Amino acid sequence: MVDLVQTISSQTGIPAETVKKAIGSVLSFLKDQHGEDALSGLKQSLPTHNEMLAAYENSPSDGASNGLLNAVAGLASKFLGGGSGDGAKLLQGLGRAGLGVDQISVFLPKLIEHFESLLSPEIVAKIKAILTSAAATSTK
């Protein structure tokens, strides 16, 4: 199996440790929003999913590098009456993982592209719907 972290890191220029945490952030988001069922297909295709989740969960919850991203996500949620909650949570998680706004726009499409090669079309469609919905609510 191709090392997903290294592959995305080389394709995006984002450091491997940051990619690992960012994947963990997406997995954590999916799990929090939709329960363990959202990860069921990933567990077989991504044997290191627990390691990625742990890397994210053990990362500092707030730092100077993601302060602006957290502020933007928080303001979006506040001014949109909480309607951007899922999107804000996704952005905050990716910021906590160490990604900036420009990196997120490169990272997420690459991650989804790799999910398409690892998972069944049904699971990918479900993940795309969850992430697209979250991203859409954060930009309203």
N, C-alpha and C. Protein backbone atom coordinates (compact mmCIF):
# COMPACT_ATOMS: atom_id res chain seq x y z
N MET A 1 0.83 -1.18 0.00
CA MET A 1 0.00 0.00 0.00
C MET A 1 0.89 1.25 0.00
N VAL A 2 0.51 2.22 -0.81
CA VAL A 2 1.23 3.48 -0.88
C VAL A 2 1.03 4.23 0.43
N ASP A 3 2.09 4.86 0.91
CA ASP A 3 2.01 5.64 2.14
C ASP A 3 1.26 6.93 1.83
N LEU A 4 0.03 7.02 2.30
CA LEU A 4 -0.84 8.15 2.01
C LEU A 4 -0.23 9.47 2.49
N VAL A 5 0.34 9.47 3.67
CA VAL A 5 0.91 10.69 4.24
C VAL A 5 2.04 11.21 3.37
N GLN A 6 2.98 10.33 3.03
CA GLN A 6 4.12 10.74 2.21
C GLN A 6 3.68 11.18 0.82
N THR A 7 2.71 10.49 0.26
CA THR A 7 2.23 10.83 -1.08
C THR A 7 1.61 12.22 -1.10
N ILE A 8 0.71 12.48 -0.16
CA ILE A 8 0.07 13.80 -0.12
C ILE A 8 1.09 14.88 0.21
N SER A 9 2.03 14.57 1.09
CA SER A 9 3.08 15.52 1.43
C SER A 9 3.88 15.91 0.19
N SER A 10 4.27 14.92 -0.60
CA SER A 10 5.07 15.22 -1.80
C SER A 10 4.24 15.94 -2.86
N GLN A 11 2.95 15.67 -2.93
CA GLN A 11 2.10 16.33 -3.93
C GLN A 11 1.74 17.76 -3.56
N THR A 12 1.72 18.06 -2.27
CA THR A 12 1.27 19.38 -1.82
C THR A 12 2.38 20.27 -1.28
N GLY A 13 3.51 19.67 -0.93
CA GLY A 13 4.58 20.44 -0.31
C GLY A 13 4.37 20.69 1.17
N ILE A 14 3.34 20.09 1.73
CA ILE A 14 3.05 20.23 3.16
C ILE A 14 3.87 19.17 3.90
N PRO A 15 4.53 19.54 5.01
CA PRO A 15 5.34 18.56 5.74
C PRO A 15 4.53 17.32 6.14
N ALA A 16 5.18 16.17 6.10
CA ALA A 16 4.51 14.89 6.36
C ALA A 16 3.81 14.86 7.72
N GLU A 17 4.45 15.39 8.75
CA GLU A 17 3.83 15.37 10.09
C GLU A 17 2.55 16.20 10.10
N THR A 18 2.55 17.30 9.37
CA THR A 18 1.35 18.14 9.28
C THR A 18 0.25 17.42 8.50
N VAL A 19 0.62 16.74 7.43
CA VAL A 19 -0.35 15.97 6.65
C VAL A 19 -0.97 14.88 7.52
N LYS A 20 -0.13 14.21 8.29
CA LYS A 20 -0.61 13.15 9.18
C LYS A 20 -1.65 13.70 10.15
N LYS A 21 -1.36 14.84 10.76
CA LYS A 21 -2.29 15.46 11.69
C LYS A 21 -3.56 15.94 10.97
N ALA A 22 -3.39 16.47 9.76
CA ALA A 22 -4.54 16.96 9.00
C ALA A 22 -5.48 15.82 8.61
N ILE A 23 -4.92 14.68 8.21
CA ILE A 23 -5.76 13.52 7.92
C ILE A 23 -6.46 13.08 9.20
N GLY A 24 -5.73 13.07 10.30
CA GLY A 24 -6.34 12.75 11.59
C GLY A 24 -7.46 13.71 11.93
N SER A 25 -7.29 14.99 11.59
CA SER A 25 -8.32 16.00 11.84
C SER A 25 -9.58 15.68 11.04
N VAL A 26 -9.42 15.33 9.78
CA VAL A 26 -10.59 14.98 8.95
C VAL A 26 -11.26 13.72 9.49
N LEU A 27 -10.47 12.73 9.86
CA LEU A 27 -11.03 11.50 10.42
C LEU A 27 -11.78 11.79 11.73
N SER A 28 -11.20 12.64 12.57
CA SER A 28 -11.85 13.01 13.82
C SER A 28 -13.16 13.76 13.55
N PHE A 29 -13.13 14.66 12.58
CA PHE A 29 -14.33 15.41 12.20
C PHE A 29 -15.43 14.45 11.73
N LEU A 30 -15.06 13.53 10.85
CA LEU A 30 -16.05 12.57 10.35
C LEU A 30 -16.63 11.73 11.48
N LYS A 31 -15.76 11.30 12.39
CA LYS A 31 -16.19 10.48 13.52
C LYS A 31 -17.10 11.28 14.45
N ASP A 32 -16.73 12.51 14.76
CA ASP A 32 -17.53 13.35 15.65
C ASP A 32 -18.89 13.68 15.06
N GLN A 33 -18.93 13.94 13.77
CA GLN A 33 -20.17 14.36 13.13
C GLN A 33 -21.09 13.20 12.77
N HIS A 34 -20.49 12.04 12.50
CA HIS A 34 -21.30 10.93 11.98
C HIS A 34 -21.01 9.59 12.63
N GLY A 35 -20.29 9.60 13.74
CA GLY A 35 -20.05 8.38 14.48
C GLY A 35 -19.03 7.46 13.83
N GLU A 36 -18.80 6.36 14.49
CA GLU A 36 -17.82 5.37 14.03
C GLU A 36 -18.16 4.81 12.65
N ASP A 37 -19.46 4.82 12.29
CA ASP A 37 -19.86 4.30 10.98
C ASP A 37 -19.18 5.04 9.84
N ALA A 38 -18.94 6.34 10.03
CA ALA A 38 -18.30 7.13 8.99
C ALA A 38 -16.88 6.65 8.70
N LEU A 39 -16.26 5.99 9.68
CA LEU A 39 -14.89 5.52 9.51
C LEU A 39 -14.79 4.04 9.16
N SER A 40 -15.92 3.36 9.11
CA SER A 40 -15.88 1.91 8.94
C SER A 40 -15.13 1.49 7.67
N GLY A 41 -15.38 2.12 6.56
CA GLY A 41 -14.68 1.76 5.33
C GLY A 41 -13.23 2.17 5.33
N LEU A 42 -12.91 3.21 6.08
CA LEU A 42 -11.53 3.69 6.12
C LEU A 42 -10.63 2.78 6.94
N LYS A 43 -11.20 2.12 7.93
CA LYS A 43 -10.39 1.31 8.83
C LYS A 43 -9.63 0.21 8.09
N GLN A 44 -10.28 -0.40 7.12
CA GLN A 44 -9.62 -1.47 6.35
C GLN A 44 -8.63 -0.90 5.35
N SER A 45 -8.99 0.20 4.70
CA SER A 45 -8.14 0.77 3.67
C SER A 45 -7.00 1.62 4.22
N LEU A 46 -7.18 2.13 5.42
CA LEU A 46 -6.16 2.96 6.07
C LEU A 46 -5.77 2.34 7.40
N PRO A 47 -4.90 1.34 7.36
CA PRO A 47 -4.54 0.66 8.60
C PRO A 47 -3.91 1.58 9.64
N THR A 48 -3.38 2.72 9.22
CA THR A 48 -2.74 3.64 10.16
C THR A 48 -3.70 4.75 10.61
N HIS A 49 -5.00 4.55 10.43
CA HIS A 49 -5.96 5.60 10.79
C HIS A 49 -5.89 5.95 12.29
N ASN A 50 -5.66 4.96 13.14
CA ASN A 50 -5.56 5.24 14.58
C ASN A 50 -4.34 6.11 14.89
N GLU A 51 -3.24 5.85 14.18
CA GLU A 51 -2.02 6.63 14.37
C GLU A 51 -2.25 8.09 13.93
N MET A 52 -3.00 8.27 12.83
CA MET A 52 -3.30 9.62 12.34
C MET A 52 -4.23 10.35 13.31
N LEU A 53 -5.23 9.64 13.81
CA LEU A 53 -6.13 10.24 14.80
C LEU A 53 -5.36 10.65 16.05
N ALA A 54 -4.47 9.79 16.51
CA ALA A 54 -3.68 10.09 17.71
C ALA A 54 -2.77 11.28 17.48
N ALA A 55 -2.15 11.38 16.30
CA ALA A 55 -1.27 12.51 16.00
C ALA A 55 -2.04 13.82 16.08
N TYR A 56 -3.27 13.81 15.57
CA TYR A 56 -4.10 15.01 15.63
C TYR A 56 -4.55 15.29 17.06
N GLU A 57 -5.07 14.27 17.72
CA GLU A 57 -5.62 14.46 19.06
C GLU A 57 -4.56 14.85 20.08
N ASN A 58 -3.30 14.49 19.84
CA ASN A 58 -2.21 14.84 20.73
C ASN A 58 -1.55 16.16 20.37
N SER A 59 -2.02 16.81 19.30
CA SER A 59 -1.46 18.10 18.91
C SER A 59 -2.05 19.19 19.80
N PRO A 60 -1.32 20.28 19.98
CA PRO A 60 -1.84 21.38 20.82
C PRO A 60 -3.20 21.86 20.30
N SER A 61 -4.09 22.18 21.22
CA SER A 61 -5.44 22.56 20.80
C SER A 61 -5.52 23.97 20.26
N ASP A 62 -4.54 24.79 20.53
CA ASP A 62 -4.57 26.14 20.01
C ASP A 62 -3.15 26.67 19.98
N GLY A 63 -2.81 27.32 18.91
CA GLY A 63 -1.47 27.87 18.80
C GLY A 63 -1.48 29.11 17.94
N ALA A 64 -0.36 29.80 17.94
CA ALA A 64 -0.27 31.04 17.18
C ALA A 64 -0.45 30.78 15.69
N SER A 65 -0.01 29.63 15.21
CA SER A 65 -0.08 29.36 13.77
C SER A 65 -1.50 29.22 13.27
N ASN A 66 -2.45 28.83 14.12
CA ASN A 66 -3.81 28.68 13.64
C ASN A 66 -4.77 29.67 14.28
N GLY A 67 -4.25 30.67 14.97
CA GLY A 67 -5.11 31.65 15.63
C GLY A 67 -6.00 32.39 14.67
N LEU A 68 -5.46 32.83 13.54
CA LEU A 68 -6.25 33.56 12.56
C LEU A 68 -7.34 32.67 11.98
N LEU A 69 -6.99 31.43 11.65
CA LEU A 69 -7.97 30.51 11.11
C LEU A 69 -9.09 30.24 12.10
N ASN A 70 -8.75 30.06 13.36
CA ASN A 70 -9.77 29.87 14.39
C ASN A 70 -10.65 31.11 14.53
N ALA A 71 -10.04 32.29 14.45
CA ALA A 71 -10.82 33.52 14.55
C ALA A 71 -11.79 33.65 13.40
N VAL A 72 -11.33 33.37 12.19
CA VAL A 72 -12.21 33.45 11.01
C VAL A 72 -13.34 32.44 11.13
N ALA A 73 -13.02 31.21 11.53
CA ALA A 73 -14.06 30.18 11.67
C ALA A 73 -15.05 30.57 12.76
N GLY A 74 -14.55 31.12 13.87
CA GLY A 74 -15.43 31.54 14.95
C GLY A 74 -16.33 32.69 14.55
N LEU A 75 -15.78 33.66 13.84
CA LEU A 75 -16.59 34.79 13.37
C LEU A 75 -17.65 34.34 12.37
N ALA A 76 -17.26 33.43 11.48
CA ALA A 76 -18.24 32.92 10.50
C ALA A 76 -19.40 32.26 11.23
N SER A 77 -19.09 31.48 12.23
CA SER A 77 -20.14 30.80 12.98
C SER A 77 -21.02 31.81 13.71
N LYS A 78 -20.40 32.82 14.32
CA LYS A 78 -21.14 33.83 15.09
C LYS A 78 -22.05 34.65 14.18
N PHE A 79 -21.50 35.15 13.07
CA PHE A 79 -22.28 36.03 12.22
C PHE A 79 -23.31 35.30 11.36
N LEU A 80 -23.14 34.03 11.21
CA LEU A 80 -24.11 33.26 10.42
C LEU A 80 -25.07 32.50 11.31
N GLY A 81 -25.17 32.90 12.55
CA GLY A 81 -26.13 32.29 13.45
C GLY A 81 -25.84 30.83 13.74
N GLY A 82 -24.60 30.45 13.73
CA GLY A 82 -24.25 29.07 14.02
C GLY A 82 -24.41 28.16 12.83
N GLY A 83 -24.89 28.68 11.70
CA GLY A 83 -25.11 27.85 10.52
C GLY A 83 -23.85 27.28 9.93
N SER A 84 -22.74 27.86 10.29
CA SER A 84 -21.48 27.37 9.74
C SER A 84 -20.75 26.46 10.72
N GLY A 85 -21.46 25.96 11.72
CA GLY A 85 -20.83 25.17 12.77
C GLY A 85 -19.98 24.03 12.28
N ASP A 86 -20.51 23.20 11.38
CA ASP A 86 -19.73 22.07 10.90
C ASP A 86 -18.50 22.54 10.12
N GLY A 87 -18.68 23.53 9.27
CA GLY A 87 -17.56 24.06 8.50
C GLY A 87 -16.52 24.69 9.40
N ALA A 88 -16.99 25.40 10.42
CA ALA A 88 -16.06 26.03 11.36
C ALA A 88 -15.27 24.96 12.11
N LYS A 89 -15.94 23.89 12.50
CA LYS A 89 -15.25 22.79 13.21
C LYS A 89 -14.20 22.15 12.31
N LEU A 90 -14.55 21.96 11.05
CA LEU A 90 -13.59 21.37 10.12
C LEU A 90 -12.39 22.29 9.95
N LEU A 91 -12.64 23.59 9.73
CA LEU A 91 -11.54 24.54 9.56
C LEU A 91 -10.69 24.64 10.82
N GLN A 92 -11.33 24.67 11.97
CA GLN A 92 -10.57 24.74 13.22
C GLN A 92 -9.70 23.51 13.40
N GLY A 93 -10.23 22.35 13.07
CA GLY A 93 -9.46 21.12 13.19
C GLY A 93 -8.26 21.11 12.26
N LEU A 94 -8.47 21.57 11.03
CA LEU A 94 -7.36 21.62 10.08
C LEU A 94 -6.33 22.67 10.50
N GLY A 95 -6.81 23.77 11.07
CA GLY A 95 -5.89 24.77 11.60
C GLY A 95 -5.10 24.23 12.77
N ARG A 96 -5.77 23.50 13.64
CA ARG A 96 -5.09 22.89 14.79
C ARG A 96 -4.03 21.89 14.32
N ALA A 97 -4.30 21.25 13.19
CA ALA A 97 -3.33 20.30 12.63
C ALA A 97 -2.12 21.01 12.03
N GLY A 98 -2.24 22.33 11.84
CA GLY A 98 -1.11 23.10 11.34
C GLY A 98 -1.27 23.62 9.93
N LEU A 99 -2.44 23.47 9.33
CA LEU A 99 -2.66 23.95 7.97
C LEU A 99 -3.16 25.39 7.97
N GLY A 100 -2.66 26.16 7.01
CA GLY A 100 -3.17 27.50 6.76
C GLY A 100 -4.27 27.41 5.71
N VAL A 101 -4.93 28.52 5.46
CA VAL A 101 -6.04 28.55 4.51
C VAL A 101 -5.61 28.07 3.13
N ASP A 102 -4.48 28.56 2.64
CA ASP A 102 -4.00 28.15 1.31
C ASP A 102 -3.70 26.65 1.26
N GLN A 103 -3.15 26.14 2.35
CA GLN A 103 -2.82 24.71 2.40
C GLN A 103 -4.08 23.85 2.42
N ILE A 104 -5.11 24.32 3.11
CA ILE A 104 -6.37 23.56 3.16
C ILE A 104 -6.95 23.40 1.77
N SER A 105 -6.89 24.45 0.96
CA SER A 105 -7.46 24.39 -0.38
C SER A 105 -6.69 23.44 -1.30
N VAL A 106 -5.47 23.12 -0.95
CA VAL A 106 -4.67 22.15 -1.71
C VAL A 106 -4.83 20.76 -1.11
N PHE A 107 -4.85 20.70 0.21
CA PHE A 107 -4.88 19.42 0.92
C PHE A 107 -6.18 18.64 0.72
N LEU A 108 -7.32 19.27 0.95
CA LEU A 108 -8.60 18.53 0.90
C LEU A 108 -8.86 17.86 -0.45
N PRO A 109 -8.66 18.54 -1.59
CA PRO A 109 -8.88 17.83 -2.86
C PRO A 109 -7.96 16.63 -3.05
N LYS A 110 -6.71 16.75 -2.60
CA LYS A 110 -5.77 15.62 -2.71
C LYS A 110 -6.21 14.46 -1.82
N LEU A 111 -6.67 14.79 -0.61
CA LEU A 111 -7.12 13.74 0.29
C LEU A 111 -8.31 13.00 -0.31
N ILE A 112 -9.27 13.75 -0.82
CA ILE A 112 -10.45 13.12 -1.44
C ILE A 112 -10.05 12.28 -2.64
N GLU A 113 -9.12 12.78 -3.43
CA GLU A 113 -8.61 12.02 -4.59
C GLU A 113 -8.05 10.67 -4.13
N HIS A 114 -7.32 10.66 -3.05
CA HIS A 114 -6.75 9.41 -2.55
C HIS A 114 -7.82 8.52 -1.91
N PHE A 115 -8.80 9.12 -1.25
CA PHE A 115 -9.91 8.33 -0.73
C PHE A 115 -10.60 7.60 -1.87
N GLU A 116 -10.70 8.25 -3.03
CA GLU A 116 -11.36 7.62 -4.18
C GLU A 116 -10.63 6.37 -4.64
N SER A 117 -9.31 6.35 -4.47
CA SER A 117 -8.55 5.18 -4.89
C SER A 117 -8.52 4.09 -3.81
N LEU A 118 -8.89 4.43 -2.58
CA LEU A 118 -8.81 3.49 -1.47
C LEU A 118 -10.16 2.88 -1.07
N LEU A 119 -11.23 3.62 -1.33
CA LEU A 119 -12.53 3.25 -0.78
C LEU A 119 -13.56 3.00 -1.87
N SER A 120 -14.65 2.40 -1.46
CA SER A 120 -15.74 2.15 -2.40
C SER A 120 -16.38 3.48 -2.81
N PRO A 121 -16.97 3.53 -3.98
CA PRO A 121 -17.62 4.77 -4.44
C PRO A 121 -18.70 5.26 -3.48
N GLU A 122 -19.40 4.34 -2.83
CA GLU A 122 -20.46 4.74 -1.89
C GLU A 122 -19.88 5.48 -0.69
N ILE A 123 -18.79 4.97 -0.15
CA ILE A 123 -18.17 5.60 1.01
C ILE A 123 -17.57 6.95 0.63
N VAL A 124 -16.94 7.01 -0.56
CA VAL A 124 -16.36 8.27 -1.02
C VAL A 124 -17.46 9.31 -1.21
N ALA A 125 -18.58 8.91 -1.79
CA ALA A 125 -19.69 9.84 -1.99
C ALA A 125 -20.18 10.38 -0.65
N LYS A 126 -20.25 9.52 0.34
CA LYS A 126 -20.69 9.93 1.68
C LYS A 126 -19.70 10.94 2.29
N ILE A 127 -18.41 10.64 2.18
CA ILE A 127 -17.38 11.53 2.73
C ILE A 127 -17.39 12.86 2.00
N LYS A 128 -17.50 12.83 0.67
CA LYS A 128 -17.56 14.07 -0.12
C LYS A 128 -18.75 14.92 0.32
N ALA A 129 -19.88 14.28 0.50
CA ALA A 129 -21.09 15.01 0.91
C ALA A 129 -20.88 15.68 2.27
N ILE A 130 -20.28 14.96 3.20
CA ILE A 130 -20.04 15.49 4.54
C ILE A 130 -19.08 16.67 4.46
N LEU A 131 -17.95 16.49 3.76
CA LEU A 131 -16.94 17.54 3.69
C LEU A 131 -17.41 18.74 2.87
N THR A 132 -18.13 18.47 1.78
CA THR A 132 -18.64 19.56 0.95
C THR A 132 -19.67 20.38 1.72
N SER A 133 -20.53 19.69 2.44
CA SER A 133 -21.52 20.38 3.26
C SER A 133 -20.86 21.23 4.32
N ALA A 134 -19.85 20.68 4.97
CA ALA A 134 -19.15 21.42 6.02
C ALA A 134 -18.42 22.62 5.44
N ALA A 135 -17.75 22.42 4.31
CA ALA A 135 -17.01 23.52 3.68
C ALA A 135 -17.97 24.59 3.18
N ALA A 136 -19.09 24.19 2.63
CA ALA A 136 -20.07 25.15 2.11
C ALA A 136 -20.65 26.00 3.23
N THR A 137 -20.94 25.40 4.36
CA THR A 137 -21.52 26.17 5.47
C THR A 137 -20.50 27.12 6.05
N SER A 138 -19.21 26.84 5.88
CA SER A 138 -18.20 27.73 6.45
C SER A 138 -17.95 28.95 5.56
N THR A 139 -18.41 28.90 4.30
CA THR A 139 -18.15 30.03 3.39
C THR A 139 -19.40 30.84 3.14
N LYS A 140 -20.53 30.50 3.74
CA LYS A 140 -21.76 31.26 3.54
C LYS A 140 -21.68 32.61 4.20
